[in-house]
N, C-alpha and C. Protein backbone atom coordinates (compact mmCIF):
# COMPACT_ATOMS: atom_id res chain seq x y z
N MET A 1 0.76 -1.22 -0.14
CA MET A 1 -0.09 -0.01 0.02
C MET A 1 0.74 1.11 0.07
N ILE A 2 0.11 2.36 -0.12
CA ILE A 2 0.77 3.78 -0.44
C ILE A 2 1.78 3.79 1.45
N THR A 3 2.91 4.16 1.19
CA THR A 3 3.82 4.14 2.65
C THR A 3 4.17 5.34 2.63
N SER A 4 3.33 6.02 4.06
CA SER A 4 3.47 7.58 4.38
C SER A 4 3.84 7.18 5.84
N GLY A 5 4.39 8.53 6.13
CA GLY A 5 4.66 8.39 7.69
C GLY A 5 4.10 9.47 8.58
N THR A 6 3.84 9.51 9.83
CA THR A 6 3.29 10.34 10.71
C THR A 6 4.40 11.15 11.57
N ASP A 7 5.98 10.60 11.32
CA ASP A 7 6.92 11.04 12.32
C ASP A 7 7.06 12.69 12.20
N PHE A 8 7.34 13.08 13.33
CA PHE A 8 7.67 14.73 13.50
C PHE A 8 9.15 14.73 13.92
N GLY A 9 9.68 15.85 13.09
CA GLY A 9 11.35 16.20 13.45
C GLY A 9 11.34 16.53 14.67
N THR A 10 11.71 17.96 14.54
CA THR A 10 12.01 18.70 16.10
C THR A 10 11.73 20.22 15.81
N ASP A 11 11.45 20.89 16.84
CA ASP A 11 10.89 22.23 16.80
C ASP A 11 12.04 23.22 17.31
N CYS A 12 12.27 24.19 16.83
CA CYS A 12 13.19 25.27 17.62
C CYS A 12 12.67 25.90 18.97
N ASP A 13 13.67 26.65 19.37
CA ASP A 13 13.25 27.06 20.81
C ASP A 13 12.15 28.12 20.68
N ALA A 14 11.49 28.24 21.77
CA ALA A 14 10.45 28.90 21.52
C ALA A 14 11.00 30.63 21.38
N ALA A 15 11.84 31.06 21.81
CA ALA A 15 12.38 32.12 21.86
C ALA A 15 12.76 32.58 20.34
N ASN A 16 12.92 31.60 19.42
CA ASN A 16 13.32 31.52 17.93
C ASN A 16 11.95 31.69 17.10
N TYR A 17 10.89 31.56 17.83
CA TYR A 17 9.59 31.24 16.74
C TYR A 17 9.52 31.91 15.62
N ARG A 18 9.55 33.57 15.98
CA ARG A 18 9.37 34.47 15.02
C ARG A 18 10.63 34.96 14.00
N THR A 19 11.85 34.62 14.57
CA THR A 19 12.96 35.05 13.76
C THR A 19 13.89 33.69 13.41
N THR A 20 13.40 32.53 13.35
CA THR A 20 13.72 31.46 12.75
C THR A 20 13.51 31.68 11.16
N GLU A 21 14.80 31.02 10.49
CA GLU A 21 14.23 30.98 8.94
C GLU A 21 13.13 30.04 8.70
N PRO A 22 11.98 30.39 7.98
CA PRO A 22 10.89 29.54 8.11
C PRO A 22 11.20 28.24 7.34
N MET A 23 11.71 28.06 6.10
CA MET A 23 12.08 27.08 5.22
C MET A 23 12.92 26.07 5.90
N ALA A 24 13.71 26.52 6.68
CA ALA A 24 14.58 25.75 7.51
C ALA A 24 13.97 25.15 8.61
N LEU A 25 12.86 25.92 9.15
CA LEU A 25 12.04 25.58 10.38
C LEU A 25 11.16 24.08 9.57
N LEU A 26 10.63 24.57 8.58
CA LEU A 26 9.80 23.42 7.89
C LEU A 26 10.63 22.27 7.66
N ARG A 27 11.82 22.23 7.29
CA ARG A 27 12.74 20.72 6.97
C ARG A 27 12.68 20.16 8.42
N GLN A 28 13.14 21.14 9.49
CA GLN A 28 13.27 20.58 10.62
C GLN A 28 12.13 19.78 11.26
N TRP A 29 10.91 20.48 10.94
CA TRP A 29 9.77 19.48 11.22
C TRP A 29 9.56 18.32 10.71
N LEU A 30 10.05 18.27 9.52
CA LEU A 30 9.83 17.10 8.52
C LEU A 30 10.75 15.81 9.08
N PRO A 31 10.10 14.66 8.98
CA PRO A 31 10.89 13.51 9.38
C PRO A 31 12.44 13.36 8.72
N ALA A 32 12.90 12.32 9.48
CA ALA A 32 14.18 11.93 8.71
C ALA A 32 14.16 11.61 7.34
N ALA A 33 15.25 11.68 6.55
CA ALA A 33 15.41 11.31 4.97
C ALA A 33 15.23 9.77 5.06
N ASP A 34 15.05 9.17 5.86
CA ASP A 34 15.13 7.38 5.81
C ASP A 34 13.81 7.37 6.57
N SER A 35 12.78 8.25 6.98
CA SER A 35 11.56 7.68 7.46
C SER A 35 10.66 7.68 6.36
N PRO A 36 9.38 7.20 6.37
CA PRO A 36 8.33 7.39 5.35
C PRO A 36 7.90 8.65 4.90
N PRO A 37 7.60 9.12 3.86
CA PRO A 37 7.51 10.61 3.62
C PRO A 37 5.96 11.03 4.13
N PRO A 38 5.92 12.28 4.58
CA PRO A 38 4.62 12.40 5.24
C PRO A 38 3.41 12.78 4.02
N LEU A 39 2.07 12.62 4.43
CA LEU A 39 1.13 12.85 3.67
C LEU A 39 0.88 14.48 3.54
N MET A 40 0.84 15.07 2.29
CA MET A 40 0.43 16.67 2.45
C MET A 40 -0.83 16.62 1.50
N SER A 41 -1.32 17.38 2.26
CA SER A 41 -2.92 18.10 1.53
C SER A 41 -2.46 19.17 0.30
N LEU A 42 -3.15 19.00 -0.86
CA LEU A 42 -2.51 19.82 -2.11
C LEU A 42 -3.95 20.28 -2.53
N ALA A 43 -3.92 21.67 -2.53
CA ALA A 43 -5.20 22.39 -3.10
C ALA A 43 -4.73 23.10 -4.21
N THR A 44 -5.98 23.01 -5.18
CA THR A 44 -5.73 23.71 -6.52
C THR A 44 -6.97 23.96 -6.95
N CYS A 45 -7.06 24.99 -8.07
CA CYS A 45 -8.41 25.58 -8.34
C CYS A 45 -8.54 24.87 -9.58
N GLY A 46 -10.02 24.32 -9.74
CA GLY A 46 -10.75 23.85 -10.87
C GLY A 46 -11.00 24.94 -12.08
N ARG A 47 -11.11 23.99 -13.11
CA ARG A 47 -11.92 25.15 -14.09
C ARG A 47 -13.06 26.01 -13.76
N ASP A 48 -13.89 25.24 -13.17
CA ASP A 48 -15.16 25.77 -12.73
C ASP A 48 -15.03 26.87 -11.53
N GLY A 49 -13.49 26.95 -11.01
CA GLY A 49 -13.44 28.27 -10.05
C GLY A 49 -13.75 27.60 -8.69
N TYR A 50 -14.13 26.40 -8.31
CA TYR A 50 -14.18 25.58 -6.98
C TYR A 50 -12.69 24.85 -6.82
N PRO A 51 -12.26 25.03 -5.66
CA PRO A 51 -10.98 24.47 -5.00
C PRO A 51 -11.10 22.88 -5.19
N ARG A 52 -9.91 22.20 -5.37
CA ARG A 52 -10.29 20.68 -5.39
C ARG A 52 -8.77 20.37 -4.37
N VAL A 53 -9.14 19.48 -3.59
CA VAL A 53 -8.27 19.02 -2.50
C VAL A 53 -7.65 17.71 -2.60
N ARG A 54 -6.75 17.22 -2.34
CA ARG A 54 -6.18 15.72 -2.31
C ARG A 54 -4.82 15.67 -1.60
N HIS A 55 -4.59 14.50 -1.22
CA HIS A 55 -3.38 14.41 -0.44
C HIS A 55 -2.31 13.47 -1.40
N VAL A 56 -1.10 14.00 -1.31
CA VAL A 56 -0.20 13.38 -1.91
C VAL A 56 1.05 13.26 -0.95
N LEU A 57 1.97 12.67 -1.28
CA LEU A 57 3.44 12.39 -0.61
C LEU A 57 4.27 13.55 -0.83
N LEU A 58 4.69 14.10 0.35
CA LEU A 58 5.75 15.26 0.01
C LEU A 58 7.04 14.63 -0.21
N SER A 59 7.44 14.93 -1.28
CA SER A 59 8.62 14.20 -1.71
C SER A 59 10.20 14.69 -0.97
N GLU A 60 10.09 16.27 -1.04
CA GLU A 60 11.33 16.75 -0.57
C GLU A 60 10.97 18.27 -0.23
N ALA A 61 11.92 18.80 0.70
CA ALA A 61 11.84 20.49 0.76
C ALA A 61 13.20 20.80 0.72
N ASP A 62 13.38 22.00 0.10
CA ASP A 62 14.75 22.82 0.04
C ASP A 62 14.34 24.05 0.61
N ASP A 63 15.20 25.26 0.22
CA ASP A 63 15.46 26.56 0.61
C ASP A 63 14.14 27.54 0.42
N THR A 64 13.36 27.06 -0.69
CA THR A 64 12.45 27.80 -1.37
C THR A 64 11.09 27.03 -1.28
N ALA A 65 10.88 25.93 -1.65
CA ALA A 65 10.01 24.82 -2.13
C ALA A 65 9.71 23.57 -1.58
N VAL A 66 8.64 22.92 -1.68
CA VAL A 66 8.33 21.71 -1.43
C VAL A 66 7.93 20.90 -2.76
N TYR A 67 8.09 19.74 -2.59
CA TYR A 67 8.05 18.87 -3.95
C TYR A 67 7.02 17.65 -3.98
N PHE A 68 6.46 17.63 -5.08
CA PHE A 68 5.48 16.07 -5.02
C PHE A 68 5.45 15.82 -6.16
N HIS A 69 5.08 14.47 -6.42
CA HIS A 69 5.11 13.83 -7.74
C HIS A 69 3.86 13.27 -7.76
N THR A 70 3.35 12.88 -9.29
CA THR A 70 2.39 12.48 -9.60
C THR A 70 2.32 11.99 -10.95
N ASP A 71 1.10 11.77 -11.53
CA ASP A 71 0.74 11.23 -12.83
C ASP A 71 0.47 12.31 -13.90
N SER A 72 1.15 12.64 -14.88
CA SER A 72 0.97 13.56 -15.81
C SER A 72 -0.49 13.97 -16.44
N ARG A 73 -1.30 12.55 -16.32
CA ARG A 73 -2.52 12.58 -16.81
C ARG A 73 -3.60 13.02 -15.70
N SER A 74 -3.20 13.34 -14.76
CA SER A 74 -3.89 13.43 -13.63
C SER A 74 -4.71 15.00 -13.46
N SER A 75 -6.01 14.99 -13.06
CA SER A 75 -6.54 16.40 -12.91
C SER A 75 -5.94 17.59 -12.11
N LYS A 76 -5.05 17.31 -11.29
CA LYS A 76 -4.39 18.40 -10.66
C LYS A 76 -3.37 19.03 -11.61
N VAL A 77 -2.52 18.20 -12.40
CA VAL A 77 -1.68 18.68 -13.40
C VAL A 77 -2.33 19.64 -14.49
N ALA A 78 -3.58 19.07 -14.83
CA ALA A 78 -4.26 20.00 -16.07
C ALA A 78 -4.67 21.41 -14.95
N GLU A 79 -4.95 21.36 -13.94
CA GLU A 79 -5.23 22.44 -13.30
C GLU A 79 -4.17 23.32 -12.99
N LEU A 80 -2.81 22.82 -12.74
CA LEU A 80 -2.00 23.66 -12.25
C LEU A 80 -1.19 24.27 -13.79
N SER A 81 -1.12 23.53 -14.75
CA SER A 81 -1.05 24.11 -15.82
C SER A 81 -1.90 25.21 -16.33
N GLU A 82 -2.97 25.29 -15.80
CA GLU A 82 -3.94 26.57 -16.48
C GLU A 82 -3.77 27.87 -15.23
N ARG A 83 -3.38 27.19 -13.82
CA ARG A 83 -3.38 28.06 -13.05
C ARG A 83 -2.37 27.56 -12.00
N PRO A 84 -0.91 28.02 -12.03
CA PRO A 84 0.03 27.40 -11.46
C PRO A 84 0.19 27.91 -9.85
N ARG A 85 -0.62 27.76 -9.47
CA ARG A 85 -0.87 28.43 -7.83
C ARG A 85 -1.47 26.99 -6.95
N ALA A 86 -1.11 26.90 -5.70
CA ALA A 86 -1.24 25.73 -4.97
C ALA A 86 -1.33 26.13 -3.61
N ALA A 87 -2.05 25.56 -2.65
CA ALA A 87 -1.84 25.50 -1.37
C ALA A 87 -1.82 24.20 -0.62
N ILE A 88 -0.88 24.11 0.39
CA ILE A 88 -0.44 22.89 0.94
C ILE A 88 -0.85 22.83 2.38
N ALA A 89 -0.72 21.84 3.07
CA ALA A 89 -1.01 21.56 4.73
C ALA A 89 -0.71 20.23 5.12
N LEU A 90 0.33 20.20 6.24
CA LEU A 90 0.73 18.96 6.86
C LEU A 90 0.50 19.06 8.07
N ALA A 91 -0.07 18.04 8.84
CA ALA A 91 -0.49 18.09 10.28
C ALA A 91 0.25 16.64 10.95
N TRP A 92 0.44 17.13 12.09
CA TRP A 92 0.94 16.07 13.22
C TRP A 92 0.34 16.15 14.53
N PRO A 93 -0.95 15.32 14.51
CA PRO A 93 -1.83 15.41 15.69
C PRO A 93 -1.24 14.97 17.03
N GLY A 94 -0.38 13.97 16.62
CA GLY A 94 0.37 13.49 17.89
C GLY A 94 1.14 14.23 18.80
N VAL A 95 1.53 15.54 18.05
CA VAL A 95 2.38 16.32 18.59
C VAL A 95 1.83 17.54 18.55
N GLY A 96 0.54 17.89 18.06
CA GLY A 96 -0.05 19.24 17.99
C GLY A 96 0.50 20.31 17.40
N ARG A 97 1.16 19.79 15.92
CA ARG A 97 1.48 20.58 14.79
C ARG A 97 1.03 20.70 13.42
N GLN A 98 0.96 21.58 13.08
CA GLN A 98 0.69 21.78 11.57
C GLN A 98 1.30 22.98 11.00
N VAL A 99 1.13 22.70 9.73
CA VAL A 99 1.69 23.79 8.57
C VAL A 99 0.77 23.84 7.64
N VAL A 100 0.34 25.37 6.87
CA VAL A 100 -0.24 25.51 6.05
C VAL A 100 0.48 26.47 5.28
N ALA A 101 0.50 26.56 3.92
CA ALA A 101 1.23 27.41 3.28
C ALA A 101 0.40 27.32 1.66
N HIS A 102 1.25 28.50 1.25
CA HIS A 102 0.86 28.72 -0.53
C HIS A 102 1.83 29.12 -1.30
N GLY A 103 1.76 29.18 -2.60
CA GLY A 103 2.79 29.56 -3.66
C GLY A 103 2.50 29.48 -5.03
N ASP A 104 3.66 29.76 -5.52
CA ASP A 104 3.51 29.45 -7.09
C ASP A 104 4.17 28.07 -7.53
N VAL A 105 3.64 27.50 -8.55
CA VAL A 105 3.97 26.01 -8.80
C VAL A 105 4.66 26.21 -10.09
N HIS A 106 6.09 25.28 -10.40
CA HIS A 106 6.75 25.16 -11.55
C HIS A 106 6.93 23.76 -11.55
N PRO A 107 7.32 23.01 -12.94
CA PRO A 107 7.90 21.69 -12.87
C PRO A 107 9.12 21.46 -12.32
N ALA A 108 9.40 20.67 -12.03
CA ALA A 108 10.59 19.96 -11.26
C ALA A 108 11.50 19.52 -12.26
N SER A 109 12.97 19.50 -12.01
CA SER A 109 13.82 19.18 -13.18
C SER A 109 13.80 17.82 -13.33
N ASP A 110 14.33 17.39 -14.42
CA ASP A 110 14.31 15.80 -14.79
C ASP A 110 15.00 15.10 -13.96
N GLY A 111 16.39 15.61 -13.25
CA GLY A 111 17.28 14.96 -12.44
C GLY A 111 16.31 14.70 -11.03
N GLU A 112 15.59 15.76 -10.95
CA GLU A 112 14.90 15.48 -9.60
C GLU A 112 13.76 14.55 -9.69
N LEU A 113 13.05 14.43 -10.91
CA LEU A 113 12.16 13.08 -11.19
C LEU A 113 12.70 11.90 -11.09
N GLN A 114 13.72 11.78 -11.39
CA GLN A 114 14.59 10.35 -11.34
C GLN A 114 14.68 9.85 -10.00
N GLN A 115 15.42 10.98 -9.29
CA GLN A 115 15.74 10.81 -7.84
C GLN A 115 14.56 10.33 -6.96
N ALA A 116 13.34 11.15 -7.47
CA ALA A 116 12.19 11.07 -6.43
C ALA A 116 11.69 9.57 -6.60
N PHE A 117 11.62 9.21 -7.99
CA PHE A 117 10.99 7.83 -8.45
C PHE A 117 11.88 6.91 -7.71
N SER A 118 13.03 6.90 -7.74
CA SER A 118 14.29 5.86 -7.04
C SER A 118 13.94 5.61 -5.52
N ARG A 119 13.46 6.73 -4.82
CA ARG A 119 13.12 6.80 -3.62
C ARG A 119 11.63 6.44 -3.14
N ARG A 120 10.92 6.08 -4.15
CA ARG A 120 9.52 5.57 -3.99
C ARG A 120 9.69 3.90 -3.43
N THR A 121 8.61 3.69 -2.79
CA THR A 121 8.54 2.23 -2.33
C THR A 121 8.13 1.39 -3.60
N ARG A 122 8.56 0.20 -4.00
CA ARG A 122 8.08 -0.80 -4.80
C ARG A 122 6.71 -0.66 -5.31
N TYR A 123 5.88 -0.60 -4.36
CA TYR A 123 4.40 -0.40 -4.40
C TYR A 123 4.03 0.84 -5.35
N LEU A 124 4.87 1.94 -4.89
CA LEU A 124 4.36 3.05 -5.60
C LEU A 124 5.05 3.22 -7.01
N GLN A 125 6.21 2.46 -7.20
CA GLN A 125 6.85 2.39 -8.68
C GLN A 125 5.89 1.86 -9.52
N LEU A 126 5.45 0.59 -8.98
CA LEU A 126 4.41 -0.13 -9.85
C LEU A 126 3.33 0.65 -10.05
N LEU A 127 2.53 1.56 -9.09
CA LEU A 127 1.29 1.96 -9.32
C LEU A 127 1.73 2.88 -10.16
N ALA A 128 2.78 3.68 -10.25
CA ALA A 128 3.03 4.87 -11.23
C ALA A 128 3.07 4.10 -12.64
N TRP A 129 3.08 2.89 -13.01
CA TRP A 129 3.21 2.24 -14.19
C TRP A 129 1.84 1.67 -14.57
N LEU A 130 0.94 1.43 -13.42
CA LEU A 130 -0.25 0.97 -14.06
C LEU A 130 -1.55 1.40 -13.38
N ASN A 131 -1.15 2.49 -12.97
CA ASN A 131 -2.40 3.63 -12.61
C ASN A 131 -3.06 4.13 -13.83
N ASP A 132 -3.63 3.47 -14.60
CA ASP A 132 -4.33 3.97 -15.53
C ASP A 132 -5.87 3.68 -16.41
N ASP A 133 -6.25 4.02 -17.03
CA ASP A 133 -7.49 3.87 -17.39
C ASP A 133 -8.10 2.61 -17.51
N GLU A 134 -7.33 1.86 -18.29
CA GLU A 134 -7.53 0.52 -18.69
C GLU A 134 -7.44 -0.06 -17.66
N THR A 135 -6.72 -0.09 -16.57
CA THR A 135 -6.65 -0.76 -15.46
C THR A 135 -7.62 -0.79 -14.43
N ALA A 136 -8.18 0.44 -14.17
CA ALA A 136 -9.17 0.93 -13.37
C ALA A 136 -10.64 0.49 -13.96
N LEU A 137 -10.61 -0.11 -15.33
CA LEU A 137 -11.93 -0.45 -15.46
C LEU A 137 -12.09 -2.05 -15.39
N GLN A 138 -10.76 -2.65 -14.95
CA GLN A 138 -11.06 -4.21 -15.04
C GLN A 138 -11.56 -4.26 -13.81
N SER A 139 -11.78 -5.88 -13.75
CA SER A 139 -12.35 -6.52 -12.64
C SER A 139 -11.29 -6.51 -11.42
N PRO A 140 -11.72 -6.77 -10.34
CA PRO A 140 -10.31 -6.70 -9.04
C PRO A 140 -9.74 -8.00 -9.51
N GLU A 141 -10.16 -8.87 -10.12
CA GLU A 141 -9.29 -10.16 -10.25
C GLU A 141 -8.39 -9.78 -11.41
N ASP A 142 -8.71 -9.33 -12.32
CA ASP A 142 -7.95 -8.80 -13.47
C ASP A 142 -6.83 -7.67 -13.21
N ARG A 143 -7.08 -6.91 -12.36
CA ARG A 143 -6.43 -6.08 -11.83
C ARG A 143 -5.32 -6.78 -11.27
N HIS A 144 -5.60 -7.46 -10.12
CA HIS A 144 -4.44 -8.43 -9.38
C HIS A 144 -3.45 -9.17 -10.34
N ARG A 145 -4.19 -9.59 -11.46
CA ARG A 145 -3.37 -10.54 -12.31
C ARG A 145 -2.21 -9.66 -12.96
N ARG A 146 -2.83 -8.88 -13.51
CA ARG A 146 -2.14 -7.78 -14.36
C ARG A 146 -0.90 -7.19 -13.49
N TRP A 147 -1.39 -6.69 -12.29
CA TRP A 147 -0.44 -6.23 -11.32
C TRP A 147 0.89 -7.14 -11.26
N ALA A 148 0.56 -8.68 -10.77
CA ALA A 148 1.17 -9.66 -10.64
C ALA A 148 2.29 -9.84 -11.75
N GLU A 149 1.69 -9.91 -12.70
CA GLU A 149 2.50 -10.26 -13.94
C GLU A 149 3.46 -9.24 -14.11
N PHE A 150 3.08 -8.06 -14.12
CA PHE A 150 4.18 -6.59 -14.61
C PHE A 150 5.13 -6.71 -13.56
N ASP A 151 4.66 -6.78 -12.02
CA ASP A 151 5.76 -7.18 -10.99
C ASP A 151 6.83 -8.14 -11.33
N ALA A 152 6.38 -9.36 -11.68
CA ALA A 152 7.28 -10.52 -11.99
C ALA A 152 8.20 -10.19 -13.09
N GLU A 153 7.37 -9.62 -14.12
CA GLU A 153 8.30 -9.11 -15.55
C GLU A 153 9.29 -7.94 -15.23
N HIS A 154 9.16 -7.09 -14.47
CA HIS A 154 9.68 -5.81 -14.48
C HIS A 154 10.52 -5.77 -12.75
N PRO A 155 11.48 -6.43 -12.70
CA PRO A 155 12.41 -6.60 -11.22
C PRO A 155 12.84 -5.02 -11.06
N VAL A 156 13.29 -4.50 -11.99
CA VAL A 156 13.73 -3.02 -11.68
C VAL A 156 12.96 -1.87 -12.73
N LEU A 157 12.59 -1.12 -12.16
CA LEU A 157 11.61 0.22 -13.11
C LEU A 157 12.33 1.27 -12.95
N GLN A 158 12.46 2.00 -13.87
CA GLN A 158 12.57 3.37 -14.24
C GLN A 158 11.50 4.16 -14.12
N ALA A 159 11.40 5.52 -14.09
CA ALA A 159 10.17 6.20 -14.06
C ALA A 159 9.58 6.03 -15.48
N PRO A 160 8.31 5.90 -15.65
CA PRO A 160 7.42 5.97 -16.85
C PRO A 160 7.16 7.29 -17.28
N ALA A 161 7.09 7.61 -18.67
CA ALA A 161 7.01 8.80 -19.23
C ALA A 161 6.00 9.70 -18.64
N THR A 162 4.83 9.16 -17.97
CA THR A 162 3.66 9.88 -17.27
C THR A 162 4.26 10.33 -15.82
N TRP A 163 5.27 9.79 -15.36
CA TRP A 163 5.76 10.41 -14.25
C TRP A 163 6.16 11.66 -14.24
N THR A 164 5.74 12.81 -13.43
CA THR A 164 5.90 14.25 -13.31
C THR A 164 6.10 14.74 -12.04
N GLY A 165 6.73 15.72 -11.50
CA GLY A 165 6.92 16.41 -10.49
C GLY A 165 6.73 17.94 -10.56
N PHE A 166 6.55 18.51 -9.21
CA PHE A 166 6.32 19.91 -9.28
C PHE A 166 6.86 20.50 -8.11
N ALA A 167 7.42 21.80 -8.08
CA ALA A 167 7.98 22.40 -7.02
C ALA A 167 7.00 23.59 -6.53
N VAL A 168 6.60 23.61 -5.27
CA VAL A 168 5.73 24.87 -4.60
C VAL A 168 6.56 25.68 -4.03
N ASP A 169 6.73 26.77 -4.93
CA ASP A 169 7.55 27.93 -4.29
C ASP A 169 6.88 28.75 -3.25
N LEU A 170 6.97 28.56 -1.92
CA LEU A 170 6.32 29.00 -0.93
C LEU A 170 6.11 30.30 -0.71
N HIS A 171 5.21 31.21 -0.67
CA HIS A 171 5.20 32.51 -0.54
C HIS A 171 4.59 33.10 1.06
N GLU A 172 4.04 31.96 1.50
CA GLU A 172 3.55 32.19 3.05
C GLU A 172 3.43 31.12 3.71
N ILE A 173 3.85 30.83 4.77
CA ILE A 173 4.04 29.49 5.54
C ILE A 173 3.57 30.09 6.94
N THR A 174 2.26 29.15 7.74
CA THR A 174 1.94 29.25 8.96
C THR A 174 2.29 28.17 9.69
N PHE A 175 2.92 28.13 11.01
CA PHE A 175 3.23 27.21 11.67
C PHE A 175 2.27 27.11 12.96
N TRP A 176 1.38 26.21 12.98
CA TRP A 176 0.44 26.26 14.32
C TRP A 176 1.15 25.10 15.19
N ARG A 177 0.95 25.65 16.28
CA ARG A 177 1.55 24.87 17.44
C ARG A 177 0.35 24.85 18.57
N GLY A 178 0.02 23.53 18.97
CA GLY A 178 -0.85 23.27 19.89
C GLY A 178 -0.37 23.26 21.28
N ASP A 179 -1.05 23.32 22.35
CA ASP A 179 -0.64 23.66 23.68
C ASP A 179 -1.44 23.15 24.59
N PRO A 180 -1.24 21.79 25.20
CA PRO A 180 -2.18 21.21 26.24
C PRO A 180 -2.26 22.02 27.37
N ASP A 181 -1.45 23.25 27.60
CA ASP A 181 -1.65 23.61 28.85
C ASP A 181 -2.24 24.76 28.53
N GLY A 182 -2.47 25.47 27.56
CA GLY A 182 -3.01 26.97 27.36
C GLY A 182 -3.33 27.18 25.84
N PRO A 183 -3.78 28.25 25.26
CA PRO A 183 -3.77 28.41 24.03
C PRO A 183 -3.01 27.93 22.96
N SER A 184 -3.58 27.69 21.75
CA SER A 184 -2.66 27.37 20.84
C SER A 184 -2.18 28.72 19.86
N GLN A 185 -1.41 28.70 19.55
CA GLN A 185 -0.41 29.97 18.77
C GLN A 185 0.00 29.32 17.50
N ARG A 186 -0.25 30.49 16.25
CA ARG A 186 0.05 30.37 14.92
C ARG A 186 1.32 31.44 14.67
N VAL A 187 2.26 31.41 14.04
CA VAL A 187 3.22 32.33 13.57
C VAL A 187 3.50 32.20 11.82
N ARG A 188 2.74 32.97 11.46
CA ARG A 188 2.97 33.13 9.72
C ARG A 188 3.97 34.08 9.43
N PHE A 189 4.65 33.52 8.48
CA PHE A 189 5.68 34.27 7.68
C PHE A 189 5.31 34.51 6.38
N HIS A 190 5.72 35.74 5.89
CA HIS A 190 5.35 36.48 4.46
C HIS A 190 6.77 36.52 3.84
N ARG A 191 6.87 35.87 2.65
CA ARG A 191 7.98 36.05 1.97
C ARG A 191 7.68 37.36 0.80
N SER A 192 8.82 38.15 0.94
CA SER A 192 8.54 39.55 -0.12
C SER A 192 10.23 39.43 -1.01
N GLY A 193 10.27 39.11 -1.88
CA GLY A 193 11.78 38.78 -2.63
C GLY A 193 12.49 37.85 -1.96
N ASP A 194 13.40 37.99 -1.24
CA ASP A 194 14.42 37.06 -0.40
C ASP A 194 14.17 37.38 1.08
N GLU A 195 13.29 37.85 1.30
CA GLU A 195 13.32 38.43 2.58
C GLU A 195 11.89 37.81 3.40
N TRP A 196 12.11 37.39 4.56
CA TRP A 196 10.85 37.01 5.15
C TRP A 196 10.33 37.86 6.56
N THR A 197 9.03 38.36 6.60
CA THR A 197 8.54 39.06 7.78
C THR A 197 7.57 37.82 8.31
N SER A 198 7.41 38.08 9.86
CA SER A 198 6.46 37.35 10.71
C SER A 198 5.80 37.91 11.55
N GLU A 199 4.59 37.21 11.88
CA GLU A 199 3.65 37.78 12.99
C GLU A 199 3.14 36.80 13.80
N VAL A 200 2.62 36.84 14.87
CA VAL A 200 2.02 36.07 15.77
C VAL A 200 0.45 36.22 15.51
N LEU A 201 0.10 35.10 15.62
CA LEU A 201 -1.68 35.08 15.46
C LEU A 201 -2.02 34.39 16.85
N PRO A 202 -3.38 34.30 16.82
CA PRO A 202 -4.13 33.71 17.95
C PRO A 202 -4.10 31.95 17.08
N GLY A 203 -4.45 30.97 18.14
CA GLY A 203 -4.51 29.84 17.40
C GLY A 203 -5.60 29.41 16.96
């Protein structure tokens, strides 16, 4: 099945909540590289103007963006090609932490695509090859048979032509922290050029 994780990394000291570099803090909140990646809510805008949201695996994060990968035939890819903006959210209920953010979207590089595919579990690599209309219309028995046959015939897989990825360059990030002994709190960062400003908000 889809392998996602719920591990939380670490937080910064409370004294640094407003002054820390937000992308560095986001990476600090994420699980270690050898842990299962977290699920990330991804919201786009449909042609009818209504928002669309789904969960994707967060592939990685760097100094400016978070990355995710998907099938190029999916509706979210069509929506992003027309309106290259998205909102994302990550939650760790067990430790009372949440991140919400939004930004502009652009395609990931070819090298990044291959690296991300190589880090996917075997199940997700197979899914990238077999998640198509033909398979979806088959009976469960036929789907299972096609899956097993393809798995046996392809011990090593490269990314299919339909494998694609995107970077969401974040312009605004809000870190929400729950507190079992008092009110929750949000710290919102907004980027203008290369500079970030912050403000504290009620939870």
